[in-house]
Amino acid sequence: MKKEELRQLIRKEISNLQERSPDHELFQKLNGVNNDIFRLINKFEGKADLDAAFRSWMMGLHGHLKKAGIDMGRIK
């Protein structure tokens, strides 16, 4: 087996391991949500009361997560 073939095989296996990991996929999706949130902040900055909107939204999100059984730990 040539060196380049071995490298490609290793890259493919690493990629397969990452794809198989539900934790990895979850973190990728959550990072996508983060990006969307910051796009919204940039869009509405100076046009809306961001502090009030995000405080209200976060309280609702925490309530929904709690109802879903997600342990938020010390996050308040």
C-alpha atoms as a PDB file:
ATOM      1  CA  MET A   1       0.000   0.000   0.000  1.00  0.00           C
ATOM      2  CA  LYS A   2       1.360   3.364  -1.025  1.00  0.00           C
ATOM      3  CA  LYS A   3       1.800   6.184   1.415  1.00  0.00           C
ATOM      4  CA  GLU A   4      -0.921   8.343  -0.199  1.00  0.00           C
ATOM      5  CA  GLU A   5      -3.408   5.439  -0.211  1.00  0.00           C
ATOM      6  CA  LEU A   6      -2.748   4.899   3.477  1.00  0.00           C
ATOM      7  CA  ARG A   7      -3.316   8.605   4.204  1.00  0.00           C
ATOM      8  CA  GLN A   8      -6.611   8.553   2.323  1.00  0.00           C
ATOM      9  CA  LEU A   9      -7.710   5.414   4.174  1.00  0.00           C
ATOM     10  CA  ILE A  10      -6.866   7.000   7.540  1.00  0.00           C
ATOM     11  CA  ARG A  11      -8.711  10.226   6.624  1.00  0.00           C
ATOM     12  CA  LYS A  12     -11.733   8.203   5.533  1.00  0.00           C
ATOM     13  CA  GLU A  13     -11.771   6.217   8.784  1.00  0.00           C
ATOM     14  CA  ILE A  14     -11.457   9.373  10.891  1.00  0.00           C
ATOM     15  CA  SER A  15     -14.312  10.908   8.920  1.00  0.00           C
ATOM     16  CA  ASN A  16     -16.420   7.781   9.447  1.00  0.00           C
ATOM     17  CA  LEU A  17     -15.759   7.871  13.199  1.00  0.00           C
ATOM     18  CA  GLN A  18     -16.850  11.501  13.400  1.00  0.00           C
ATOM     19  CA  GLU A  19     -19.989  10.809  11.390  1.00  0.00           C
ATOM     20  CA  ARG A  20     -20.924   7.904  13.644  1.00  0.00           C
ATOM     21  CA  SER A  21     -20.700   9.953  16.824  1.00  0.00           C
ATOM     22  CA  PRO A  22     -24.088  11.352  17.825  1.00  0.00           C
ATOM     23  CA  ASP A  23     -22.328  13.684  20.288  1.00  0.00           C
ATOM     24  CA  HIS A  24     -20.236  15.167  17.489  1.00  0.00           C
ATOM     25  CA  GLU A  25     -23.289  15.675  15.296  1.00  0.00           C
ATOM     26  CA  LEU A  26     -25.208  17.248  18.185  1.00  0.00           C
ATOM     27  CA  PHE A  27     -22.414  19.739  18.875  1.00  0.00           C
ATOM     28  CA  GLN A  28     -22.263  20.636  15.181  1.00  0.00           C
ATOM     29  CA  LYS A  29     -26.010  21.289  15.103  1.00  0.00           C
ATOM     30  CA  LEU A  30     -25.880  23.355  18.311  1.00  0.00           C
ATOM     31  CA  ASN A  31     -23.035  25.432  16.878  1.00  0.00           C
ATOM     32  CA  GLY A  32     -25.251  26.079  13.866  1.00  0.00           C
ATOM     33  CA  VAL A  33     -27.932  27.377  16.224  1.00  0.00           C
ATOM     34  CA  ASN A  34     -25.326  29.654  17.853  1.00  0.00           C
ATOM     35  CA  ASN A  35     -24.466  31.090  14.450  1.00  0.00           C
ATOM     36  CA  ASP A  36     -28.152  31.743  13.737  1.00  0.00           C
ATOM     37  CA  ILE A  37     -28.544  33.544  17.077  1.00  0.00           C
ATOM     38  CA  PHE A  38     -25.614  35.850  16.344  1.00  0.00           C
ATOM     39  CA  ARG A  39     -26.988  36.581  12.873  1.00  0.00           C
ATOM     40  CA  LEU A  40     -30.250  37.641  14.543  1.00  0.00           C
ATOM     41  CA  ILE A  41     -28.373  39.840  17.008  1.00  0.00           C
ATOM     42  CA  ASN A  42     -26.576  41.579  14.156  1.00  0.00           C
ATOM     43  CA  LYS A  43     -29.811  41.993  12.203  1.00  0.00           C
ATOM     44  CA  PHE A  44     -31.841  43.505  15.066  1.00  0.00           C
ATOM     45  CA  GLU A  45     -29.127  45.391  16.940  1.00  0.00           C
ATOM     46  CA  GLY A  46     -30.343  48.933  17.492  1.00  0.00           C
ATOM     47  CA  LYS A  47     -33.829  48.100  16.209  1.00  0.00           C
ATOM     48  CA  ALA A  48     -35.200  46.021  19.092  1.00  0.00           C
ATOM     49  CA  ASP A  49     -34.641  45.611  22.824  1.00  0.00           C
ATOM     50  CA  LEU A  50     -32.265  42.659  22.566  1.00  0.00           C
ATOM     51  CA  ASP A  51     -31.737  42.338  26.313  1.00  0.00           C
ATOM     52  CA  ALA A  52     -35.451  41.931  27.016  1.00  0.00           C
ATOM     53  CA  ALA A  53     -36.035  39.678  24.026  1.00  0.00           C
ATOM     54  CA  PHE A  54     -33.172  37.321  24.833  1.00  0.00           C
ATOM     55  CA  ARG A  55     -33.943  37.256  28.554  1.00  0.00           C
ATOM     56  CA  SER A  56     -37.524  36.239  27.838  1.00  0.00           C
ATOM     57  CA  TRP A  57     -36.451  33.724  25.197  1.00  0.00           C
ATOM     58  CA  MET A  58     -33.815  32.170  27.485  1.00  0.00           C
ATOM     59  CA  MET A  59     -36.305  31.819  30.333  1.00  0.00           C
ATOM     60  CA  GLY A  60     -38.665  30.012  27.970  1.00  0.00           C
ATOM     61  CA  LEU A  61     -35.859  27.839  26.615  1.00  0.00           C
ATOM     62  CA  HIS A  62     -34.765  26.840  30.122  1.00  0.00           C
ATOM     63  CA  GLY A  63     -38.363  25.998  31.009  1.00  0.00           C
ATOM     64  CA  HIS A  64     -38.757  23.818  27.925  1.00  0.00           C
ATOM     65  CA  LEU A  65     -35.442  22.063  28.579  1.00  0.00           C
ATOM     66  CA  LYS A  66     -36.435  21.413  32.180  1.00  0.00           C
ATOM     67  CA  LYS A  67     -39.757  19.922  31.047  1.00  0.00           C
ATOM     68  CA  ALA A  68     -37.858  17.751  28.564  1.00  0.00           C
ATOM     69  CA  GLY A  69     -35.740  16.387  31.423  1.00  0.00           C
ATOM     70  CA  ILE A  70     -32.468  18.072  30.458  1.00  0.00           C
ATOM     71  CA  ASP A  71     -30.338  18.693  33.557  1.00  0.00           C
ATOM     72  CA  MET A  72     -29.120  22.276  33.391  1.00  0.00           C
ATOM     73  CA  GLY A  73     -26.955  21.836  36.483  1.00  0.00           C
ATOM     74  CA  ARG A  74     -25.888  25.132  38.024  1.00  0.00           C
ATOM     75  CA  ILE A  75     -26.957  27.271  35.072  1.00  0.00           C
ATOM     76  CA  LYS A  76     -29.372  29.938  36.260  1.00  0.00           C
END
